[in-house]
Amino acid sequence: MEDRIGKTLTLLKGRLQELLRDSLVNLVLFGSRARGDYEESSDVDVAVIVRGLSRELKDRIYREVAAIELEHGQPISLLVFSEQEFNRLRERERRIAKDILEEGVAL
C-alpha cells in the first residue's frame, strides 16, 4: 500500500481510537485498497463498528474523518455502523457485511 495511504490510515486509526476509546469494536479497510486491485485515484473504503453509537457520536466520527480528508487530500468512503446494526447485516447476509468480513483488513 502506498506510504501516503498508510499514513492516512494510521492517523485515522489514532484519532478514532482517541475519540471512541472502548466503544470502538472494529475499524476495517475494505474494497479495492484491501484487495490490492486499486488505482491511484481510488478512494479508501473504511468501516467503523461502534458499541453504543449515538447520532451525536456518529456525527463526530464523520467530522473527524472529513478533517483527515482535508489534511491529507485523500478521499475516504466511510461507513459507520452500530455493533447491533452490523450484526443484523451479517445475519441477513447483506453484501456490504460480507465484503467487509471477507476482504476487510482490520486496522
PDB file of N, CA and C in Angstrom:
ATOM      1  N   MET A   1       0.850  -1.178   0.000  1.00  0.00           N
ATOM      2  CA  MET A   1       0.000   0.000   0.000  1.00  0.00           C
ATOM      3  C   MET A   1       0.893   1.238   0.000  1.00  0.00           C
ATOM      4  N   GLU A   2       0.439   2.258  -0.689  1.00  0.00           N
ATOM      5  CA  GLU A   2       1.203   3.484  -0.773  1.00  0.00           C
ATOM      6  C   GLU A   2       1.475   4.040   0.618  1.00  0.00           C
ATOM      7  N   ASP A   3       2.659   4.648   0.756  1.00  0.00           N
ATOM      8  CA  ASP A   3       3.053   5.223   2.037  1.00  0.00           C
ATOM      9  C   ASP A   3       2.067   6.301   2.493  1.00  0.00           C
ATOM     10  N   ARG A   4       1.607   7.113   1.546  1.00  0.00           N
ATOM     11  CA  ARG A   4       0.666   8.195   1.870  1.00  0.00           C
ATOM     12  C   ARG A   4      -0.630   7.626   2.439  1.00  0.00           C
ATOM     13  N   ILE A   5      -1.110   6.553   1.853  1.00  0.00           N
ATOM     14  CA  ILE A   5      -2.341   5.918   2.333  1.00  0.00           C
ATOM     15  C   ILE A   5      -2.106   5.320   3.715  1.00  0.00           C
ATOM     16  N   GLY A   6      -0.960   4.682   3.894  1.00  0.00           N
ATOM     17  CA  GLY A   6      -0.620   4.112   5.195  1.00  0.00           C
ATOM     18  C   GLY A   6      -0.606   5.165   6.290  1.00  0.00           C
ATOM     19  N   LYS A   7      -0.038   6.326   5.993  1.00  0.00           N
ATOM     20  CA  LYS A   7      -0.001   7.421   6.978  1.00  0.00           C
ATOM     21  C   LYS A   7      -1.407   7.931   7.285  1.00  0.00           C
ATOM     22  N   THR A   8      -2.222   8.040   6.247  1.00  0.00           N
ATOM     23  CA  THR A   8      -3.602   8.488   6.445  1.00  0.00           C
ATOM     24  C   THR A   8      -4.361   7.501   7.326  1.00  0.00           C
ATOM     25  N   LEU A   9      -4.195   6.212   7.067  1.00  0.00           N
ATOM     26  CA  LEU A   9      -4.894   5.191   7.858  1.00  0.00           C
ATOM     27  C   LEU A   9      -4.396   5.152   9.298  1.00  0.00           C
ATOM     28  N   THR A  10      -3.099   5.347   9.493  1.00  0.00           N
ATOM     29  CA  THR A  10      -2.546   5.385  10.853  1.00  0.00           C
ATOM     30  C   THR A  10      -3.129   6.561  11.630  1.00  0.00           C
ATOM     31  N   LEU A  11      -3.203   7.721  10.981  1.00  0.00           N
ATOM     32  CA  LEU A  11      -3.790   8.897  11.614  1.00  0.00           C
ATOM     33  C   LEU A  11      -5.268   8.666  11.921  1.00  0.00           C
ATOM     34  N   LEU A  12      -5.991   8.113  10.958  1.00  0.00           N
ATOM     35  CA  LEU A  12      -7.412   7.814  11.141  1.00  0.00           C
ATOM     36  C   LEU A  12      -7.623   6.889  12.335  1.00  0.00           C
ATOM     37  N   LYS A  13      -6.852   5.834  12.391  1.00  0.00           N
ATOM     38  CA  LYS A  13      -6.972   4.880  13.495  1.00  0.00           C
ATOM     39  C   LYS A  13      -6.713   5.562  14.836  1.00  0.00           C
ATOM     40  N   GLY A  14      -5.655   6.347  14.918  1.00  0.00           N
ATOM     41  CA  GLY A  14      -5.318   7.023  16.170  1.00  0.00           C
ATOM     42  C   GLY A  14      -6.404   7.975  16.631  1.00  0.00           C
ATOM     43  N   ARG A  15      -6.910   8.768  15.704  1.00  0.00           N
ATOM     44  CA  ARG A  15      -7.949   9.742  16.078  1.00  0.00           C
ATOM     45  C   ARG A  15      -9.251   9.062  16.480  1.00  0.00           C
ATOM     46  N   LEU A  16      -9.620   7.997  15.769  1.00  0.00           N
ATOM     47  CA  LEU A  16     -10.859   7.303  16.131  1.00  0.00           C
ATOM     48  C   LEU A  16     -10.707   6.534  17.437  1.00  0.00           C
ATOM     49  N   GLN A  17      -9.538   5.977  17.693  1.00  0.00           N
ATOM     50  CA  GLN A  17      -9.316   5.310  18.983  1.00  0.00           C
ATOM     51  C   GLN A  17      -9.410   6.322  20.117  1.00  0.00           C
ATOM     52  N   GLU A  18      -8.862   7.505  19.903  1.00  0.00           N
ATOM     53  CA  GLU A  18      -8.926   8.551  20.923  1.00  0.00           C
ATOM     54  C   GLU A  18     -10.365   9.013  21.150  1.00  0.00           C
ATOM     55  N   LEU A  19     -11.104   9.182  20.071  1.00  0.00           N
ATOM     56  CA  LEU A  19     -12.487   9.646  20.158  1.00  0.00           C
ATOM     57  C   LEU A  19     -13.408   8.587  20.763  1.00  0.00           C
ATOM     58  N   LEU A  20     -13.253   7.343  20.331  1.00  0.00           N
ATOM     59  CA  LEU A  20     -14.204   6.293  20.690  1.00  0.00           C
ATOM     60  C   LEU A  20     -13.798   5.449  21.892  1.00  0.00           C
ATOM     61  N   ARG A  21     -12.508   5.380  22.147  1.00  0.00           N
ATOM     62  CA  ARG A  21     -11.960   4.570  23.247  1.00  0.00           C
ATOM     63  C   ARG A  21     -12.532   3.153  23.240  1.00  0.00           C
ATOM     64  N   ASP A  22     -13.143   2.725  24.326  1.00  0.00           N
ATOM     65  CA  ASP A  22     -13.650   1.350  24.449  1.00  0.00           C
ATOM     66  C   ASP A  22     -14.892   1.082  23.599  1.00  0.00           C
ATOM     67  N   SER A  23     -15.470   2.123  23.021  1.00  0.00           N
ATOM     68  CA  SER A  23     -16.653   1.939  22.176  1.00  0.00           C
ATOM     69  C   SER A  23     -16.304   1.430  20.780  1.00  0.00           C
ATOM     70  N   LEU A  24     -15.037   1.555  20.392  1.00  0.00           N
ATOM     71  CA  LEU A  24     -14.618   1.101  19.066  1.00  0.00           C
ATOM     72  C   LEU A  24     -14.538  -0.419  19.055  1.00  0.00           C
ATOM     73  N   VAL A  25     -15.409  -1.047  18.286  1.00  0.00           N
ATOM     74  CA  VAL A  25     -15.436  -2.503  18.175  1.00  0.00           C
ATOM     75  C   VAL A  25     -14.475  -2.954  17.090  1.00  0.00           C
ATOM     76  N   ASN A  26     -14.529  -2.278  15.928  1.00  0.00           N
ATOM     77  CA  ASN A  26     -13.666  -2.669  14.820  1.00  0.00           C
ATOM     78  C   ASN A  26     -13.522  -1.518  13.842  1.00  0.00           C
ATOM     79  N   LEU A  27     -12.354  -1.439  13.244  1.00  0.00           N
ATOM     80  CA  LEU A  27     -12.037  -0.467  12.209  1.00  0.00           C
ATOM     81  C   LEU A  27     -11.431  -1.271  11.072  1.00  0.00           C
ATOM     82  N   VAL A  28     -12.089  -1.256   9.909  1.00  0.00           N
ATOM     83  CA  VAL A  28     -11.724  -2.185   8.839  1.00  0.00           C
ATOM     84  C   VAL A  28     -11.549  -1.461   7.506  1.00  0.00           C
ATOM     85  N   LEU A  29     -10.421  -1.701   6.869  1.00  0.00           N
ATOM     86  CA  LEU A  29     -10.198  -1.270   5.497  1.00  0.00           C
ATOM     87  C   LEU A  29     -10.785  -2.345   4.596  1.00  0.00           C
ATOM     88  N   PHE A  30     -11.587  -1.949   3.618  1.00  0.00           N
ATOM     89  CA  PHE A  30     -12.148  -2.933   2.688  1.00  0.00           C
ATOM     90  C   PHE A  30     -12.170  -2.321   1.294  1.00  0.00           C
ATOM     91  N   GLY A  31     -12.674  -3.055   0.335  1.00  0.00           N
ATOM     92  CA  GLY A  31     -12.735  -2.540  -1.025  1.00  0.00           C
ATOM     93  C   GLY A  31     -11.423  -2.739  -1.769  1.00  0.00           C
ATOM     94  N   SER A  32     -11.224  -1.948  -2.808  1.00  0.00           N
ATOM     95  CA  SER A  32     -10.072  -2.149  -3.696  1.00  0.00           C
ATOM     96  C   SER A  32      -8.734  -1.999  -2.984  1.00  0.00           C
ATOM     97  N   ARG A  33      -8.646  -1.103  -2.013  1.00  0.00           N
ATOM     98  CA  ARG A  33      -7.374  -0.929  -1.281  1.00  0.00           C
ATOM     99  C   ARG A  33      -7.043  -2.172  -0.464  1.00  0.00           C
ATOM    100  N   ALA A  34      -8.036  -2.810   0.093  1.00  0.00           N
ATOM    101  CA  ALA A  34      -7.807  -4.034   0.873  1.00  0.00           C
ATOM    102  C   ALA A  34      -7.492  -5.209  -0.044  1.00  0.00           C
ATOM    103  N   ARG A  35      -8.150  -5.258  -1.191  1.00  0.00           N
ATOM    104  CA  ARG A  35      -7.927  -6.358  -2.137  1.00  0.00           C
ATOM    105  C   ARG A  35      -6.618  -6.205  -2.899  1.00  0.00           C
ATOM    106  N   GLY A  36      -6.142  -4.956  -3.007  1.00  0.00           N
ATOM    107  CA  GLY A  36      -4.911  -4.707  -3.748  1.00  0.00           C
ATOM    108  C   GLY A  36      -5.131  -4.449  -5.226  1.00  0.00           C
ATOM    109  N   ASP A  37      -6.375  -4.293  -5.652  1.00  0.00           N
ATOM    110  CA  ASP A  37      -6.642  -4.037  -7.071  1.00  0.00           C
ATOM    111  C   ASP A  37      -7.089  -2.589  -7.315  1.00  0.00           C
ATOM    112  N   TYR A  38      -6.556  -1.676  -6.536  1.00  0.00           N
ATOM    113  CA  TYR A  38      -6.925  -0.269  -6.618  1.00  0.00           C
ATOM    114  C   TYR A  38      -6.116   0.455  -7.700  1.00  0.00           C
ATOM    115  N   GLU A  39      -6.617   1.613  -8.062  1.00  0.00           N
ATOM    116  CA  GLU A  39      -5.899   2.527  -8.942  1.00  0.00           C
ATOM    117  C   GLU A  39      -5.458   3.710  -8.097  1.00  0.00           C
ATOM    118  N   GLU A  40      -4.556   4.502  -8.621  1.00  0.00           N
ATOM    119  CA  GLU A  40      -4.040   5.638  -7.857  1.00  0.00           C
ATOM    120  C   GLU A  40      -5.159   6.567  -7.392  1.00  0.00           C
ATOM    121  N   SER A  41      -6.199   6.711  -8.208  1.00  0.00           N
ATOM    122  CA  SER A  41      -7.298   7.616  -7.879  1.00  0.00           C
ATOM    123  C   SER A  41      -8.369   6.979  -6.985  1.00  0.00           C
ATOM    124  N   SER A  42      -8.205   5.716  -6.629  1.00  0.00           N
ATOM    125  CA  SER A  42      -9.210   5.022  -5.810  1.00  0.00           C
ATOM    126  C   SER A  42      -9.336   5.656  -4.431  1.00  0.00           C
ATOM    127  N   ASP A  43     -10.556   5.679  -3.935  1.00  0.00           N
ATOM    128  CA  ASP A  43     -10.765   6.159  -2.576  1.00  0.00           C
ATOM    129  C   ASP A  43     -10.378   5.059  -1.591  1.00  0.00           C
ATOM    130  N   VAL A  44     -10.492   5.380  -0.326  1.00  0.00           N
ATOM    131  CA  VAL A  44     -10.176   4.437   0.745  1.00  0.00           C
ATOM    132  C   VAL A  44     -11.491   4.100   1.438  1.00  0.00           C
ATOM    133  N   ASP A  45     -11.897   2.836   1.372  1.00  0.00           N
ATOM    134  CA  ASP A  45     -13.144   2.387   1.993  1.00  0.00           C
ATOM    135  C   ASP A  45     -12.849   1.895   3.407  1.00  0.00           C
ATOM    136  N   VAL A  46     -13.500   2.512   4.380  1.00  0.00           N
ATOM    137  CA  VAL A  46     -13.275   2.158   5.780  1.00  0.00           C
ATOM    138  C   VAL A  46     -14.620   1.973   6.472  1.00  0.00           C
ATOM    139  N   ALA A  47     -14.738   0.884   7.219  1.00  0.00           N
ATOM    140  CA  ALA A  47     -15.922   0.637   8.042  1.00  0.00           C
ATOM    141  C   ALA A  47     -15.537   0.795   9.507  1.00  0.00           C
ATOM    142  N   VAL A  48     -16.378   1.489  10.244  1.00  0.00           N
ATOM    143  CA  VAL A  48     -16.188   1.682  11.679  1.00  0.00           C
ATOM    144  C   VAL A  48     -17.388   1.054  12.373  1.00  0.00           C
ATOM    145  N   ILE A  49     -17.121   0.160  13.301  1.00  0.00           N
ATOM    146  CA  ILE A  49     -18.190  -0.501  14.050  1.00  0.00           C
ATOM    147  C   ILE A  49     -18.056  -0.065  15.504  1.00  0.00           C
ATOM    148  N   VAL A  50     -19.151   0.491  16.034  1.00  0.00           N
ATOM    149  CA  VAL A  50     -19.106   1.171  17.327  1.00  0.00           C
ATOM    150  C   VAL A  50     -20.169   0.617  18.267  1.00  0.00           C
ATOM    151  N   ARG A  51     -19.769   0.369  19.492  1.00  0.00           N
ATOM    152  CA  ARG A  51     -20.697  -0.052  20.550  1.00  0.00           C
ATOM    153  C   ARG A  51     -21.355   1.203  21.126  1.00  0.00           C
ATOM    154  N   GLY A  52     -22.672   1.178  21.237  1.00  0.00           N
ATOM    155  CA  GLY A  52     -23.387   2.307  21.836  1.00  0.00           C
ATOM    156  C   GLY A  52     -23.344   3.558  20.978  1.00  0.00           C
ATOM    157  N   LEU A  53     -23.524   3.400  19.691  1.00  0.00           N
ATOM    158  CA  LEU A  53     -23.425   4.520  18.747  1.00  0.00           C
ATOM    159  C   LEU A  53     -24.657   5.414  18.836  1.00  0.00           C
ATOM    160  N   SER A  54     -24.421   6.682  19.126  1.00  0.00           N
ATOM    161  CA  SER A  54     -25.495   7.682  19.130  1.00  0.00           C
ATOM    162  C   SER A  54     -25.368   8.532  17.867  1.00  0.00           C
ATOM    163  N   ARG A  55     -26.404   9.276  17.560  1.00  0.00           N
ATOM    164  CA  ARG A  55     -26.374  10.175  16.391  1.00  0.00           C
ATOM    165  C   ARG A  55     -25.253  11.206  16.554  1.00  0.00           C
ATOM    166  N   GLU A  56     -25.119  11.737  17.760  1.00  0.00           N
ATOM    167  CA  GLU A  56     -24.085  12.736  18.030  1.00  0.00           C
ATOM    168  C   GLU A  56     -22.688  12.152  17.810  1.00  0.00           C
ATOM    169  N   LEU A  57     -22.469  10.957  18.295  1.00  0.00           N
ATOM    170  CA  LEU A  57     -21.163  10.323  18.135  1.00  0.00           C
ATOM    171  C   LEU A  57     -20.888  10.023  16.663  1.00  0.00           C
ATOM    172  N   LYS A  58     -21.895   9.578  15.956  1.00  0.00           N
ATOM    173  CA  LYS A  58     -21.740   9.303  14.525  1.00  0.00           C
ATOM    174  C   LYS A  58     -21.344  10.584  13.782  1.00  0.00           C
ATOM    175  N   ASP A  59     -21.989  11.692  14.118  1.00  0.00           N
ATOM    176  CA  ASP A  59     -21.649  12.978  13.503  1.00  0.00           C
ATOM    177  C   ASP A  59     -20.207  13.373  13.809  1.00  0.00           C
ATOM    178  N   ARG A  60     -19.765  13.140  15.029  1.00  0.00           N
ATOM    179  CA  ARG A  60     -18.382  13.469  15.409  1.00  0.00           C
ATOM    180  C   ARG A  60     -17.386  12.626  14.620  1.00  0.00           C
ATOM    181  N   ILE A  61     -17.719  11.360  14.402  1.00  0.00           N
ATOM    182  CA  ILE A  61     -16.844  10.481  13.616  1.00  0.00           C
ATOM    183  C   ILE A  61     -16.722  11.024  12.193  1.00  0.00           C
ATOM    184  N   TYR A  62     -17.842  11.367  11.579  1.00  0.00           N
ATOM    185  CA  TYR A  62     -17.812  11.894  10.211  1.00  0.00           C
ATOM    186  C   TYR A  62     -17.042  13.215  10.133  1.00  0.00           C
ATOM    187  N   ARG A  63     -17.195  14.079  11.123  1.00  0.00           N
ATOM    188  CA  ARG A  63     -16.441  15.346  11.127  1.00  0.00           C
ATOM    189  C   ARG A  63     -14.946  15.093  11.239  1.00  0.00           C
ATOM    190  N   GLU A  64     -14.570  14.157  12.089  1.00  0.00           N
ATOM    191  CA  GLU A  64     -13.152  13.828  12.269  1.00  0.00           C
ATOM    192  C   GLU A  64     -12.555  13.296  10.969  1.00  0.00           C
ATOM    193  N   VAL A  65     -13.273  12.426  10.307  1.00  0.00           N
ATOM    194  CA  VAL A  65     -12.776  11.852   9.050  1.00  0.00           C
ATOM    195  C   VAL A  65     -12.723  12.918   7.958  1.00  0.00           C
ATOM    196  N   ALA A  66     -13.686  13.819   7.920  1.00  0.00           N
ATOM    197  CA  ALA A  66     -13.658  14.910   6.938  1.00  0.00           C
ATOM    198  C   ALA A  66     -12.420  15.781   7.144  1.00  0.00           C
ATOM    199  N   ALA A  67     -12.052  16.020   8.389  1.00  0.00           N
ATOM    200  CA  ALA A  67     -10.847  16.807   8.678  1.00  0.00           C
ATOM    201  C   ALA A  67      -9.596  16.088   8.174  1.00  0.00           C
ATOM    202  N   ILE A  68      -9.544  14.782   8.347  1.00  0.00           N
ATOM    203  CA  ILE A  68      -8.398  13.996   7.867  1.00  0.00           C
ATOM    204  C   ILE A  68      -8.341  14.030   6.340  1.00  0.00           C
ATOM    205  N   GLU A  69      -9.487  13.942   5.692  1.00  0.00           N
ATOM    206  CA  GLU A  69      -9.527  14.033   4.223  1.00  0.00           C
ATOM    207  C   GLU A  69      -8.940  15.360   3.753  1.00  0.00           C
ATOM    208  N   LEU A  70      -9.315  16.445   4.413  1.00  0.00           N
ATOM    209  CA  LEU A  70      -8.801  17.761   4.041  1.00  0.00           C
ATOM    210  C   LEU A  70      -7.301  17.867   4.291  1.00  0.00           C
ATOM    211  N   GLU A  71      -6.843  17.353   5.416  1.00  0.00           N
ATOM    212  CA  GLU A  71      -5.419  17.412   5.761  1.00  0.00           C
ATOM    213  C   GLU A  71      -4.556  16.645   4.774  1.00  0.00           C
ATOM    214  N   HIS A  72      -5.040  15.491   4.340  1.00  0.00           N
ATOM    215  CA  HIS A  72      -4.220  14.586   3.529  1.00  0.00           C
ATOM    216  C   HIS A  72      -4.612  14.531   2.059  1.00  0.00           C
ATOM    217  N   GLY A  73      -5.715  15.170   1.690  1.00  0.00           N
ATOM    218  CA  GLY A  73      -6.148  15.165   0.305  1.00  0.00           C
ATOM    219  C   GLY A  73      -6.498  13.784  -0.214  1.00  0.00           C
ATOM    220  N   GLN A  74      -6.909  12.915   0.687  1.00  0.00           N
ATOM    221  CA  GLN A  74      -7.230  11.536   0.321  1.00  0.00           C
ATOM    222  C   GLN A  74      -8.709  11.268   0.571  1.00  0.00           C
ATOM    223  N   PRO A  75      -9.476  10.962  -0.478  1.00  0.00           N
ATOM    224  CA  PRO A  75     -10.890  10.641  -0.273  1.00  0.00           C
ATOM    225  C   PRO A  75     -11.061   9.364   0.556  1.00  0.00           C
ATOM    226  N   ILE A  76     -11.904   9.453   1.569  1.00  0.00           N
ATOM    227  CA  ILE A  76     -12.204   8.303   2.420  1.00  0.00           C
ATOM    228  C   ILE A  76     -13.711   8.064   2.353  1.00  0.00           C
ATOM    229  N   SER A  77     -14.088   6.876   1.914  1.00  0.00           N
ATOM    230  CA  SER A  77     -15.503   6.487   1.922  1.00  0.00           C
ATOM    231  C   SER A  77     -15.750   5.752   3.229  1.00  0.00           C
ATOM    232  N   LEU A  78     -16.461   6.412   4.115  1.00  0.00           N
ATOM    233  CA  LEU A  78     -16.636   5.910   5.470  1.00  0.00           C
ATOM    234  C   LEU A  78     -18.033   5.343   5.667  1.00  0.00           C
ATOM    235  N   LEU A  79     -18.095   4.174   6.274  1.00  0.00           N
ATOM    236  CA  LEU A  79     -19.357   3.584   6.709  1.00  0.00           C
ATOM    237  C   LEU A  79     -19.267   3.399   8.216  1.00  0.00           C
ATOM    238  N   VAL A  80     -20.240   3.938   8.926  1.00  0.00           N
ATOM    239  CA  VAL A  80     -20.263   3.830  10.384  1.00  0.00           C
ATOM    240  C   VAL A  80     -21.484   3.014  10.777  1.00  0.00           C
ATOM    241  N   PHE A  81     -21.245   1.950  11.528  1.00  0.00           N
ATOM    242  CA  PHE A  81     -22.311   1.052  11.965  1.00  0.00           C
ATOM    243  C   PHE A  81     -22.289   0.923  13.482  1.00  0.00           C
ATOM    244  N   SER A  82     -23.476   0.803  14.072  1.00  0.00           N
ATOM    245  CA  SER A  82     -23.512   0.360  15.463  1.00  0.00           C
ATOM    246  C   SER A  82     -23.193  -1.133  15.442  1.00  0.00           C
ATOM    247  N   GLU A  83     -22.764  -1.647  16.562  1.00  0.00           N
ATOM    248  CA  GLU A  83     -22.459  -3.078  16.655  1.00  0.00           C
ATOM    249  C   GLU A  83     -23.692  -3.917  16.307  1.00  0.00           C
ATOM    250  N   GLN A  84     -24.853  -3.494  16.811  1.00  0.00           N
ATOM    251  CA  GLN A  84     -26.089  -4.223  16.558  1.00  0.00           C
ATOM    252  C   GLN A  84     -26.466  -4.175  15.076  1.00  0.00           C
ATOM    253  N   GLU A  85     -26.331  -3.000  14.473  1.00  0.00           N
ATOM    254  CA  GLU A  85     -26.667  -2.843  13.055  1.00  0.00           C
ATOM    255  C   GLU A  85     -25.789  -3.739  12.183  1.00  0.00           C
ATOM    256  N   PHE A  86     -24.488  -3.763  12.470  1.00  0.00           N
ATOM    257  CA  PHE A  86     -23.594  -4.594  11.667  1.00  0.00           C
ATOM    258  C   PHE A  86     -23.918  -6.075  11.856  1.00  0.00           C
ATOM    259  N   ASN A  87     -24.216  -6.474  13.082  1.00  0.00           N
ATOM    260  CA  ASN A  87     -24.580  -7.875  13.331  1.00  0.00           C
ATOM    261  C   ASN A  87     -25.844  -8.268  12.572  1.00  0.00           C
ATOM    262  N   ARG A  88     -26.820  -7.360  12.509  1.00  0.00           N
ATOM    263  CA  ARG A  88     -28.041  -7.635  11.734  1.00  0.00           C
ATOM    264  C   ARG A  88     -27.721  -7.796  10.248  1.00  0.00           C
ATOM    265  N   LEU A  89     -26.877  -6.935   9.725  1.00  0.00           N
ATOM    266  CA  LEU A  89     -26.483  -7.037   8.311  1.00  0.00           C
ATOM    267  C   LEU A  89     -25.772  -8.361   8.041  1.00  0.00           C
ATOM    268  N   ARG A  90     -24.917  -8.739   8.968  1.00  0.00           N
ATOM    269  CA  ARG A  90     -24.185 -10.005   8.822  1.00  0.00           C
ATOM    270  C   ARG A  90     -25.147 -11.192   8.855  1.00  0.00           C
ATOM    271  N   GLU A  91     -26.065 -11.187   9.808  1.00  0.00           N
ATOM    272  CA  GLU A  91     -27.027 -12.283   9.940  1.00  0.00           C
ATOM    273  C   GLU A  91     -27.930 -12.398   8.716  1.00  0.00           C
ATOM    274  N   ARG A  92     -28.236 -11.275   8.101  1.00  0.00           N
ATOM    275  CA  ARG A  92     -29.092 -11.275   6.902  1.00  0.00           C
ATOM    276  C   ARG A  92     -28.279 -11.473   5.624  1.00  0.00           C
ATOM    277  N   GLU A  93     -26.994 -11.691   5.809  1.00  0.00           N
ATOM    278  CA  GLU A  93     -26.067 -11.947   4.701  1.00  0.00           C
ATOM    279  C   GLU A  93     -26.089 -10.836   3.659  1.00  0.00           C
ATOM    280  N   ARG A  94     -26.114  -9.605   4.132  1.00  0.00           N
ATOM    281  CA  ARG A  94     -26.080  -8.453   3.232  1.00  0.00           C
ATOM    282  C   ARG A  94     -24.696  -8.327   2.609  1.00  0.00           C
ATOM    283  N   ARG A  95     -24.668  -7.903   1.376  1.00  0.00           N
ATOM    284  CA  ARG A  95     -23.421  -7.837   0.592  1.00  0.00           C
ATOM    285  C   ARG A  95     -22.345  -6.993   1.282  1.00  0.00           C
ATOM    286  N   ILE A  96     -22.715  -5.839   1.817  1.00  0.00           N
ATOM    287  CA  ILE A  96     -21.710  -4.958   2.417  1.00  0.00           C
ATOM    288  C   ILE A  96     -21.054  -5.631   3.614  1.00  0.00           C
ATOM    289  N   ALA A  97     -21.829  -6.297   4.449  1.00  0.00           N
ATOM    290  CA  ALA A  97     -21.256  -7.002   5.600  1.00  0.00           C
ATOM    291  C   ALA A  97     -20.351  -8.128   5.126  1.00  0.00           C
ATOM    292  N   LYS A  98     -20.773  -8.832   4.100  1.00  0.00           N
ATOM    293  CA  LYS A  98     -19.975  -9.925   3.538  1.00  0.00           C
ATOM    294  C   LYS A  98     -18.642  -9.398   3.010  1.00  0.00           C
ATOM    295  N   ASP A  99     -18.680  -8.288   2.266  1.00  0.00           N
ATOM    296  CA  ASP A  99     -17.445  -7.700   1.736  1.00  0.00           C
ATOM    297  C   ASP A  99     -16.497  -7.292   2.859  1.00  0.00           C
ATOM    298  N   ILE A 100     -17.034  -6.656   3.880  1.00  0.00           N
ATOM    299  CA  ILE A 100     -16.203  -6.203   4.997  1.00  0.00           C
ATOM    300  C   ILE A 100     -15.575  -7.399   5.707  1.00  0.00           C
ATOM    301  N   LEU A 101     -16.357  -8.438   5.944  1.00  0.00           N
ATOM    302  CA  LEU A 101     -15.851  -9.614   6.654  1.00  0.00           C
ATOM    303  C   LEU A 101     -14.876 -10.433   5.818  1.00  0.00           C
ATOM    304  N   GLU A 102     -15.143 -10.566   4.527  1.00  0.00           N
ATOM    305  CA  GLU A 102     -14.325 -11.452   3.695  1.00  0.00           C
ATOM    306  C   GLU A 102     -13.066 -10.794   3.148  1.00  0.00           C
ATOM    307  N   GLU A 103     -13.150  -9.543   2.765  1.00  0.00           N
ATOM    308  CA  GLU A 103     -11.980  -8.913   2.156  1.00  0.00           C
ATOM    309  C   GLU A 103     -11.338  -7.870   3.054  1.00  0.00           C
ATOM    310  N   GLY A 104     -11.993  -7.562   4.156  1.00  0.00           N
ATOM    311  CA  GLY A 104     -11.522  -6.497   5.025  1.00  0.00           C
ATOM    312  C   GLY A 104     -10.224  -6.811   5.744  1.00  0.00           C
ATOM    313  N   VAL A 105      -9.502  -5.725   6.028  1.00  0.00           N
ATOM    314  CA  VAL A 105      -8.255  -5.803   6.779  1.00  0.00           C
ATOM    315  C   VAL A 105      -8.441  -4.943   8.027  1.00  0.00           C
ATOM    316  N   ALA A 106      -8.366  -5.568   9.191  1.00  0.00           N
ATOM    317  CA  ALA A 106      -8.534  -4.822  10.441  1.00  0.00           C
ATOM    318  C   ALA A 106      -7.393  -3.830  10.604  1.00  0.00           C
ATOM    319  N   LEU A 107      -7.760  -2.620  10.986  1.00  0.00           N
ATOM    320  CA  LEU A 107      -6.759  -1.597  11.245  1.00  0.00           C
ATOM    321  C   LEU A 107      -6.506  -1.527  12.737  1.00  0.00           C
TER     322      LEU A 107
END
